[in-house]
Amino acid sequence: MRILVLGGTGLIGAAVSARLRSDGHDVIRLARSIPSRTDRAGAIAADIAKLTQEEDWLPYLEGVDAVVNCAGALQDSAQDSTAGVTAMGWARCSGHVSRGRCGAIQISAIGVDRPNPTAFSRTKSEGDTLLMGSDLDWVILRPVVVIGRAAFGGSALLRALAAFPVLAVPADARPFQTVQLDDLTESVAFFLKPEAPSKLTLEVAAPDLLRFEEVVASFRRWFGWKPARIVRAPKALERLVYGLGDAVSWLGWRPPLRSTARLEIERGAVGDPSDWMKTTGIDPISFQDGLAAEPPSVQEKWFARLYLLKPVVLGVLALYWVLTGLIALGPGWQGALDPLNAAAPAPPGHGWVVAGSVADIAIGLGTAYRRTARVALWAALGLSAAYLVAGTILLPALWVDPLGPLVKVIPIVVLTLVALMILEER
């Protein structure tokens, strides 16, 4: 079969694509961006939210036998549109699919058929309704919290929290269920078989009901670390963290702790998997058995420890460059000008200080914005090297200055290299 996978480079979409390709299917993966490290076979870059006319989908649906929709957006931001991804774009795609008589599998989310407090759940529900009203062969899968060897978003956050010796449990966290990524991909493969039933809406979950702190503690045991101390997070601190997450998302980042995540955590992710298990014959792997089946690698321990350090590293670098430029233009103006006047036979004048300060500020703002972060970090390395070379030539005494103005550039360079190494999100 020729299968189009929407969101084909995401956590679920990448796993589904790999499973279907291993079954011998011709898989086309559609995603807004294709990471450079990704196997590009069958990968097409396109923003679903911008494919708002049925004719926009024609190049991607030609000869397609089935569509698997793994695309989704947790929350509206500078980079994501919940309505665009899960409703508007999917509406045009499913409309064309209906006339082409393709099959369709929608990866939805648990609880979207219940009172929905978030745009994420409401738009997922709208996408489900589009399929239910069609006359094509469709299946809607509503998974709970998906756990796999790879991690992104909420599953990555659970691992990251396990790295802390103190766990602050959200005050209103409700119990939830998990499902192994392999069980979800197996379900997709099952429903793509010619003899598989259709027009079904199924909740996909392992039966075990787990508490938030229990899941994090299990990850911590899996990593081989001592139990953490459990405390209840103050609501004021929670609101601050979620508010910061919302703000950062408008810079193009996708932090897992945002207001939508808070509402979903408070609602819980609980479903009844009996119909899914009966239909597919899948005996779901429990959360604990899934961990026991694959011991952690040292790379996964690094990831857990670095995941929440990454925004700190980028934030510190952005703030450092912006403040450096502002200080030089403000209270440190004379201090920045004096070394230049003392070093050069013909004083370079104020222009060099202004130019350097503006460059510093531009690098800081560029680092804070997701789309320009990589370029800004490389620019930071270049400008740091220029400062070291110019300082060494014009004022070599700065190397032995007790305040270390040149020596301190070296750890900034190293931290910038670390930021570049952990910049990728997928």
Protein backbone atom coordinates (compact mmCIF):
# COMPACT_ATOMS: atom_id res chain seq x y z
CA MET A 1 0.00 0.00 0.00
CA ARG A 2 1.00 3.61 -0.54
CA ILE A 3 0.41 5.38 2.77
CA LEU A 4 0.62 9.07 3.61
CA VAL A 5 1.61 9.74 7.24
CA LEU A 6 0.84 13.26 8.44
CA GLY A 7 3.24 14.48 11.11
CA GLY A 8 5.62 11.79 9.93
CA THR A 9 8.69 13.06 11.81
CA GLY A 10 7.04 13.46 15.24
CA LEU A 11 7.26 11.01 18.13
CA ILE A 12 4.29 8.91 17.00
CA GLY A 13 4.51 9.65 13.28
CA ALA A 14 8.15 8.58 13.01
CA ALA A 15 7.47 5.31 14.84
CA VAL A 16 4.37 4.60 12.73
CA SER A 17 6.29 5.33 9.53
CA ALA A 18 9.14 3.01 10.52
CA ARG A 19 6.71 0.21 11.40
CA LEU A 20 4.77 0.52 8.15
CA ARG A 21 7.95 0.60 6.08
CA SER A 22 9.14 -2.57 7.82
CA ASP A 23 5.84 -4.17 6.74
CA GLY A 24 6.69 -3.37 3.12
CA HIS A 25 4.41 -0.37 2.60
CA ASP A 26 5.39 2.62 0.50
CA VAL A 27 5.31 5.39 3.11
CA ILE A 28 5.19 9.12 2.37
CA ARG A 29 5.86 11.28 5.43
CA LEU A 30 4.48 14.80 5.47
CA ALA A 31 5.76 17.19 8.13
CA ARG A 32 6.24 20.92 8.52
CA SER A 33 10.00 20.47 8.74
CA ILE A 34 12.30 17.54 8.11
CA PRO A 35 15.15 17.38 10.65
CA SER A 36 18.54 17.17 8.94
CA ARG A 37 19.42 13.95 10.73
CA THR A 38 16.19 12.24 9.62
CA ASP A 39 16.14 9.50 7.00
CA ARG A 40 14.71 11.59 4.17
CA ALA A 41 13.30 8.70 2.16
CA GLY A 42 9.69 9.60 1.39
CA ALA A 43 9.84 12.76 3.53
CA ILE A 44 8.08 15.91 2.30
CA ALA A 45 8.13 19.29 4.06
CA ALA A 46 4.72 21.00 4.12
CA ASP A 47 2.71 22.88 6.77
CA ILE A 48 -0.67 21.17 7.16
CA ALA A 49 -2.17 24.32 8.64
CA LYS A 50 -1.47 26.15 5.37
CA LEU A 51 -2.98 23.48 3.10
CA THR A 52 -6.43 25.03 3.40
CA GLN A 53 -7.80 24.11 -0.05
CA GLU A 54 -8.49 20.62 -1.29
CA GLU A 55 -6.39 21.24 -4.39
CA ASP A 56 -3.43 21.98 -2.08
CA TRP A 57 -3.48 18.30 -1.12
CA LEU A 58 -3.47 16.90 -4.66
CA PRO A 59 0.33 16.55 -4.99
CA TYR A 60 0.53 14.60 -1.73
CA LEU A 61 -2.49 12.30 -2.16
CA GLU A 62 -1.85 11.07 -5.69
CA GLY A 63 -1.92 7.26 -5.68
CA VAL A 64 -2.35 7.08 -1.90
CA ASP A 65 -4.32 4.13 -0.50
CA ALA A 66 -4.54 5.31 3.11
CA VAL A 67 -3.78 8.33 5.28
CA VAL A 68 -2.58 8.09 8.89
CA ASN A 69 -2.93 11.41 10.70
CA CYS A 70 -0.34 11.66 13.48
CA ALA A 71 -0.13 15.46 13.34
CA GLY A 72 -1.04 17.58 16.32
CA ALA A 73 -0.27 20.77 18.19
CA LEU A 74 -0.52 21.05 21.96
CA GLN A 75 -1.20 24.77 22.08
CA ASP A 76 -1.42 27.84 19.86
CA SER A 77 1.90 29.65 19.63
CA ALA A 78 4.15 31.46 17.18
CA GLN A 79 4.94 28.11 15.58
CA ASP A 80 1.74 26.08 16.05
CA SER A 81 -1.96 26.43 15.32
CA THR A 82 -4.19 23.83 16.99
CA ALA A 83 -7.11 24.60 14.68
CA GLY A 84 -4.91 24.68 11.60
CA VAL A 85 -3.24 21.34 12.25
CA THR A 86 -6.07 19.26 13.68
CA ALA A 87 -9.14 20.77 12.07
CA MET A 88 -8.79 23.10 9.06
CA GLY A 89 -5.94 21.39 7.22
CA TRP A 90 -7.24 17.92 8.09
CA ALA A 91 -10.72 18.92 6.91
CA ARG A 92 -9.42 19.64 3.41
CA CYS A 93 -7.34 16.50 3.38
CA SER A 94 -10.17 14.23 4.55
CA GLY A 95 -12.55 15.84 2.05
CA HIS A 96 -10.29 14.86 -0.82
CA VAL A 97 -9.63 11.44 0.74
CA SER A 98 -13.39 10.77 0.84
CA ARG A 99 -13.71 11.22 -2.91
CA GLY A 100 -10.60 9.15 -3.54
CA ARG A 101 -11.93 6.32 -1.36
CA CYS A 102 -8.74 6.08 0.66
CA GLY A 103 -8.79 4.71 4.16
CA ALA A 104 -7.98 6.97 7.09
CA ILE A 105 -6.63 6.41 10.59
CA GLN A 106 -6.76 9.33 12.98
CA ILE A 107 -4.45 9.42 16.02
CA SER A 108 -6.60 11.48 18.34
CA ALA A 109 -6.30 11.83 22.13
CA ILE A 110 -8.03 10.37 25.13
CA GLY A 111 -10.93 12.32 26.58
CA VAL A 112 -11.72 14.54 23.59
CA ASP A 113 -15.33 13.29 23.69
CA ARG A 114 -15.70 14.60 27.26
CA PRO A 115 -16.02 18.20 28.44
CA ASN A 116 -13.00 19.82 26.79
CA PRO A 117 -11.20 22.63 28.60
CA THR A 118 -8.47 23.12 25.98
CA ALA A 119 -8.19 24.08 22.33
CA PHE A 120 -6.06 20.96 21.86
CA SER A 121 -8.89 18.64 22.90
CA ARG A 122 -11.62 20.60 21.14
CA THR A 123 -9.81 20.66 17.80
CA LYS A 124 -8.87 17.00 18.10
CA SER A 125 -12.56 16.29 18.63
CA GLU A 126 -13.44 18.36 15.54
CA GLY A 127 -10.99 16.30 13.51
CA ASP A 128 -12.61 13.10 14.79
CA THR A 129 -16.07 14.39 13.89
CA LEU A 130 -14.96 15.09 10.33
CA LEU A 131 -14.09 11.43 9.88
CA MET A 132 -17.18 10.11 11.62
CA GLY A 133 -19.36 12.06 9.22
CA SER A 134 -17.63 10.67 6.14
CA ASP A 135 -18.48 7.51 4.19
CA LEU A 136 -14.92 6.26 3.89
CA ASP A 137 -13.26 3.51 5.91
CA TRP A 138 -11.96 5.21 9.03
CA VAL A 139 -10.59 4.31 12.45
CA ILE A 140 -10.00 6.74 15.31
CA LEU A 141 -7.45 5.77 17.96
CA ARG A 142 -7.44 7.75 21.20
CA PRO A 143 -4.25 6.98 23.13
CA VAL A 144 -3.45 8.02 26.67
CA VAL A 145 0.09 9.13 27.61
CA VAL A 146 2.39 7.49 25.05
CA ILE A 147 5.67 6.07 26.35
CA GLY A 148 8.45 4.85 24.09
CA ARG A 149 12.20 4.62 23.83
CA ALA A 150 12.15 7.98 22.11
CA ALA A 151 10.71 10.87 24.13
CA PHE A 152 9.18 14.25 23.39
CA GLY A 153 6.93 16.69 25.23
CA GLY A 154 5.18 15.11 28.21
CA SER A 155 7.06 11.80 28.03
CA ALA A 156 10.37 13.68 27.94
CA LEU A 157 9.29 15.79 30.91
CA LEU A 158 8.54 12.70 33.01
CA ARG A 159 12.07 11.43 32.39
CA ALA A 160 13.58 14.84 33.10
CA LEU A 161 11.75 15.17 36.41
CA ALA A 162 13.19 11.80 37.42
CA ALA A 163 16.66 13.37 37.30
CA PHE A 164 15.89 15.62 40.29
CA PRO A 165 16.44 14.40 43.87
CA VAL A 166 13.36 16.41 44.87
CA LEU A 167 10.10 15.99 42.96
CA ALA A 168 7.53 18.78 43.11
CA VAL A 169 4.22 17.08 42.30
CA PRO A 170 1.57 19.31 40.67
CA ALA A 171 -1.07 20.10 43.27
CA ASP A 172 -4.04 18.93 41.18
CA ALA A 173 -2.41 16.10 39.22
CA ARG A 174 -4.86 13.29 38.50
CA PRO A 175 -3.99 9.61 37.94
CA PHE A 176 -3.42 8.59 34.34
CA GLN A 177 -2.73 5.59 32.15
CA THR A 178 0.07 5.00 29.69
CA VAL A 179 0.46 3.04 26.49
CA GLN A 180 3.65 1.82 24.91
CA LEU A 181 4.50 3.37 21.56
CA ASP A 182 4.99 -0.10 20.09
CA ASP A 183 1.40 -1.05 20.98
CA LEU A 184 0.10 2.08 19.27
CA THR A 185 2.09 1.45 16.10
CA GLU A 186 0.95 -2.19 16.12
CA SER A 187 -2.63 -0.92 16.23
CA VAL A 188 -2.09 1.25 13.15
CA ALA A 189 -0.55 -1.67 11.28
CA PHE A 190 -3.50 -3.88 12.25
CA PHE A 191 -6.15 -1.50 10.93
CA LEU A 192 -4.35 -1.08 7.61
CA LYS A 193 -4.86 -4.76 6.80
CA PRO A 194 -7.53 -5.35 4.12
CA GLU A 195 -9.65 -7.54 6.41
CA ALA A 196 -9.53 -5.12 9.40
CA PRO A 197 -12.80 -3.60 10.65
CA SER A 198 -13.48 0.10 10.19
CA LYS A 199 -15.69 2.93 11.47
CA LEU A 200 -14.42 2.37 15.01
CA THR A 201 -13.41 4.76 17.77
CA LEU A 202 -11.14 3.06 20.28
CA GLU A 203 -9.39 4.14 23.47
CA VAL A 204 -5.80 2.90 23.51
CA ALA A 205 -4.27 2.29 26.93
CA ALA A 206 -2.67 -0.19 29.26
CA PRO A 207 -5.12 -0.92 32.09
CA ASP A 208 -2.83 0.22 34.94
CA LEU A 209 -3.88 3.46 36.63
CA LEU A 210 -0.80 5.39 37.77
CA ARG A 211 -0.12 8.44 39.89
CA PHE A 212 2.13 11.21 38.60
CA GLU A 213 4.74 10.69 41.31
CA GLU A 214 4.62 6.92 40.80
CA VAL A 215 5.55 7.24 37.13
CA VAL A 216 8.44 9.62 37.85
CA ALA A 217 9.65 7.36 40.68
CA SER A 218 9.58 4.38 38.29
CA PHE A 219 11.72 6.26 35.79
CA ARG A 220 14.12 7.14 38.59
CA ARG A 221 14.42 3.48 39.61
CA TRP A 222 14.88 2.56 35.95
CA PHE A 223 17.80 4.98 35.74
CA GLY A 224 19.29 3.39 38.87
CA TRP A 225 18.99 6.48 41.06
CA LYS A 226 17.92 6.71 44.69
CA PRO A 227 14.28 7.61 45.50
CA ALA A 228 13.48 11.31 45.35
CA ARG A 229 11.92 13.35 48.09
CA ILE A 230 8.28 14.14 47.24
CA VAL A 231 6.88 17.63 47.89
CA ARG A 232 3.71 19.38 46.75
CA ALA A 233 4.34 22.24 44.37
CA PRO A 234 2.92 25.60 45.54
CA LYS A 235 0.19 26.79 43.22
CA ALA A 236 1.85 30.18 42.83
CA LEU A 237 5.03 28.48 41.60
CA GLU A 238 3.01 26.32 39.20
CA ARG A 239 1.30 29.36 37.70
CA LEU A 240 4.67 31.06 37.25
CA VAL A 241 6.21 28.03 35.50
CA TYR A 242 3.22 27.51 33.19
CA GLY A 243 3.09 31.23 32.44
CA LEU A 244 6.78 31.22 31.49
CA GLY A 245 6.12 28.21 29.27
CA ASP A 246 3.31 30.06 27.49
CA ALA A 247 5.52 33.11 26.98
CA VAL A 248 8.45 31.08 25.64
CA SER A 249 6.16 29.29 23.16
CA TRP A 250 5.56 32.63 21.40
CA LEU A 251 9.28 32.69 20.67
CA GLY A 252 8.86 29.48 18.67
CA TRP A 253 9.85 26.92 21.33
CA ARG A 254 7.66 24.01 22.51
CA PRO A 255 8.12 23.71 26.28
CA PRO A 256 6.13 20.82 27.80
CA LEU A 257 4.96 22.94 30.75
CA ARG A 258 2.28 25.25 29.38
CA SER A 259 -1.27 26.11 30.40
CA THR A 260 -2.72 23.38 28.16
CA ALA A 261 -0.50 20.79 29.83
CA ARG A 262 -1.70 22.02 33.24
CA LEU A 263 -5.36 21.54 32.27
CA GLU A 264 -4.70 18.11 30.79
CA ILE A 265 -2.74 17.05 33.90
CA GLU A 266 -5.61 18.18 36.09
CA ARG A 267 -8.14 16.29 33.95
CA GLY A 268 -6.10 13.09 33.82
CA ALA A 269 -5.71 10.66 30.92
CA VAL A 270 -7.87 7.64 31.64
CA GLY A 271 -9.66 5.38 29.19
CA ASP A 272 -11.28 1.98 28.77
CA PRO A 273 -9.07 -0.17 26.50
CA SER A 274 -11.32 -3.26 26.50
CA ASP A 275 -12.80 -2.68 23.02
CA TRP A 276 -9.36 -1.93 21.57
CA MET A 277 -7.86 -5.07 23.12
CA LYS A 278 -10.77 -7.24 21.95
CA THR A 279 -10.72 -5.85 18.40
CA THR A 280 -6.97 -6.01 17.79
CA GLY A 281 -6.03 -8.90 20.06
CA ILE A 282 -3.25 -6.77 21.52
CA ASP A 283 -2.31 -7.48 25.12
CA PRO A 284 -0.87 -4.09 26.06
CA ILE A 285 2.50 -3.86 27.71
CA SER A 286 2.28 -2.28 31.14
CA PHE A 287 4.34 0.76 31.99
CA GLN A 288 6.54 -1.20 34.39
CA ASP A 289 7.07 -4.08 31.95
CA GLY A 290 7.94 -1.62 29.20
CA LEU A 291 10.70 -0.15 31.34
CA ALA A 292 11.96 -3.56 32.43
CA ALA A 293 12.20 -4.76 28.83
CA GLU A 294 14.85 -2.19 27.86
CA PRO A 295 17.50 -1.08 30.37
CA PRO A 296 18.48 2.60 30.06
CA SER A 297 21.63 3.69 28.28
CA VAL A 298 24.00 6.38 29.51
CA GLN A 299 22.73 8.57 26.65
CA GLU A 300 19.22 8.44 28.12
CA LYS A 301 20.57 9.49 31.50
CA TRP A 302 22.27 12.44 29.84
CA PHE A 303 19.03 13.37 28.10
CA ALA A 304 17.04 13.28 31.33
CA ARG A 305 19.55 15.51 33.09
CA LEU A 306 19.97 17.95 30.22
CA TYR A 307 16.34 18.28 29.15
CA LEU A 308 15.34 20.95 31.66
CA LEU A 309 18.84 22.42 31.70
CA LYS A 310 18.56 23.25 27.99
CA PRO A 311 16.17 26.23 28.43
CA VAL A 312 18.38 27.49 31.26
CA VAL A 313 21.49 27.34 29.05
CA LEU A 314 19.78 29.16 26.18
CA GLY A 315 18.16 31.68 28.51
CA VAL A 316 21.45 32.49 30.23
CA LEU A 317 23.24 32.95 26.90
CA ALA A 318 20.46 35.16 25.50
CA LEU A 319 20.43 37.27 28.66
CA TYR A 320 24.23 37.49 28.76
CA TRP A 321 24.51 38.91 25.24
CA VAL A 322 21.60 41.33 25.62
CA LEU A 323 22.85 42.65 28.97
CA THR A 324 26.40 42.96 27.67
CA GLY A 325 25.21 45.18 24.86
CA LEU A 326 22.88 47.25 27.03
CA ILE A 327 25.50 47.80 29.72
CA ALA A 328 28.06 48.97 27.16
CA LEU A 329 25.54 51.42 25.69
CA GLY A 330 24.51 52.63 29.14
CA PRO A 331 26.36 52.68 32.46
CA GLY A 332 29.45 50.93 31.03
CA TRP A 333 29.87 53.28 28.08
CA GLN A 334 33.04 54.96 29.27
CA GLY A 335 34.47 51.70 30.55
CA ALA A 336 34.02 50.17 27.08
CA LEU A 337 35.45 53.20 25.32
CA ASP A 338 38.56 53.73 27.46
CA PRO A 339 40.36 50.44 26.54
CA LEU A 340 39.84 51.15 22.84
CA ASN A 341 41.19 54.67 23.13
CA ALA A 342 44.16 53.43 25.13
CA ALA A 343 44.97 50.57 22.75
CA ALA A 344 44.78 52.30 19.37
CA PRO A 345 47.20 55.06 18.23
CA ALA A 346 44.25 56.68 16.49
CA PRO A 347 41.19 56.21 18.74
CA PRO A 348 38.48 54.32 16.82
CA GLY A 349 35.75 56.48 18.26
CA HIS A 350 32.31 55.71 19.57
CA GLY A 351 31.20 53.78 16.49
CA TRP A 352 33.05 50.61 17.46
CA VAL A 353 31.40 50.48 20.88
CA VAL A 354 27.98 51.06 19.37
CA ALA A 355 28.55 48.44 16.68
CA GLY A 356 29.79 45.86 19.16
CA SER A 357 26.90 46.54 21.54
CA VAL A 358 24.28 46.28 18.80
CA ALA A 359 25.87 43.00 17.63
CA ASP A 360 25.73 41.66 21.20
CA ILE A 361 22.05 42.55 21.57
CA ALA A 362 21.19 41.07 18.17
CA ILE A 363 22.89 37.79 19.11
CA GLY A 364 21.01 37.67 22.42
CA LEU A 365 17.62 38.29 20.80
CA GLY A 366 18.44 35.83 18.02
CA THR A 367 19.31 33.15 20.57
CA ALA A 368 15.98 33.65 22.34
CA TYR A 369 13.97 33.13 19.12
CA ARG A 370 13.76 29.50 17.99
CA ARG A 371 14.07 30.02 14.25
CA THR A 372 17.21 32.13 14.51
CA ALA A 373 18.81 30.43 17.51
CA ARG A 374 21.27 28.29 15.56
CA VAL A 375 22.48 31.19 13.42
CA ALA A 376 22.75 33.42 16.49
CA LEU A 377 24.79 30.84 18.40
CA TRP A 378 27.22 30.48 15.51
CA ALA A 379 27.43 34.27 15.34
CA ALA A 380 28.17 34.28 19.07
CA LEU A 381 31.09 31.93 18.49
CA GLY A 382 32.40 34.13 15.69
CA LEU A 383 32.07 37.34 17.67
CA SER A 384 33.68 35.72 20.73
CA ALA A 385 36.64 34.65 18.60
CA ALA A 386 36.89 38.20 17.23
CA TYR A 387 36.88 39.64 20.75
CA LEU A 388 39.64 37.23 21.81
CA VAL A 389 41.81 38.00 18.78
CA ALA A 390 41.29 41.78 18.97
CA GLY A 391 41.84 41.81 22.71
CA THR A 392 45.02 39.76 22.42
CA ILE A 393 46.44 42.07 19.74
CA LEU A 394 45.36 45.43 21.16
CA LEU A 395 45.33 44.80 24.90
CA PRO A 396 47.23 41.58 25.80
CA ALA A 397 47.31 42.73 29.42
CA LEU A 398 43.62 41.86 29.67
CA TRP A 399 44.63 38.19 29.87
CA VAL A 400 46.14 38.79 33.30
CA ASP A 401 43.50 41.29 34.48
CA PRO A 402 42.16 40.07 37.88
CA LEU A 403 38.58 40.37 36.56
CA GLY A 404 39.47 38.15 33.58
CA PRO A 405 37.61 39.96 30.77
CA LEU A 406 39.24 37.76 28.13
CA VAL A 407 39.50 34.56 30.17
CA LYS A 408 35.74 34.66 30.82
CA VAL A 409 35.03 34.53 27.10
CA ILE A 410 36.29 30.93 27.00
CA PRO A 411 33.54 29.41 29.23
CA ILE A 412 30.98 31.39 27.22
CA VAL A 413 32.33 29.76 24.06
CA VAL A 414 32.10 26.32 25.66
CA LEU A 415 28.54 26.94 26.89
CA THR A 416 27.60 28.13 23.40
CA LEU A 417 28.96 24.89 21.94
CA VAL A 418 26.89 22.92 24.46
CA ALA A 419 23.79 24.89 23.40
CA LEU A 420 24.44 24.06 19.74
CA MET A 421 24.84 20.35 20.54
CA ILE A 422 21.49 20.11 22.39
CA LEU A 423 19.52 22.57 20.25
CA GLU A 424 17.55 20.02 18.22
CA GLU A 425 14.09 19.19 19.54
CA ARG A 426 13.44 15.97 17.59
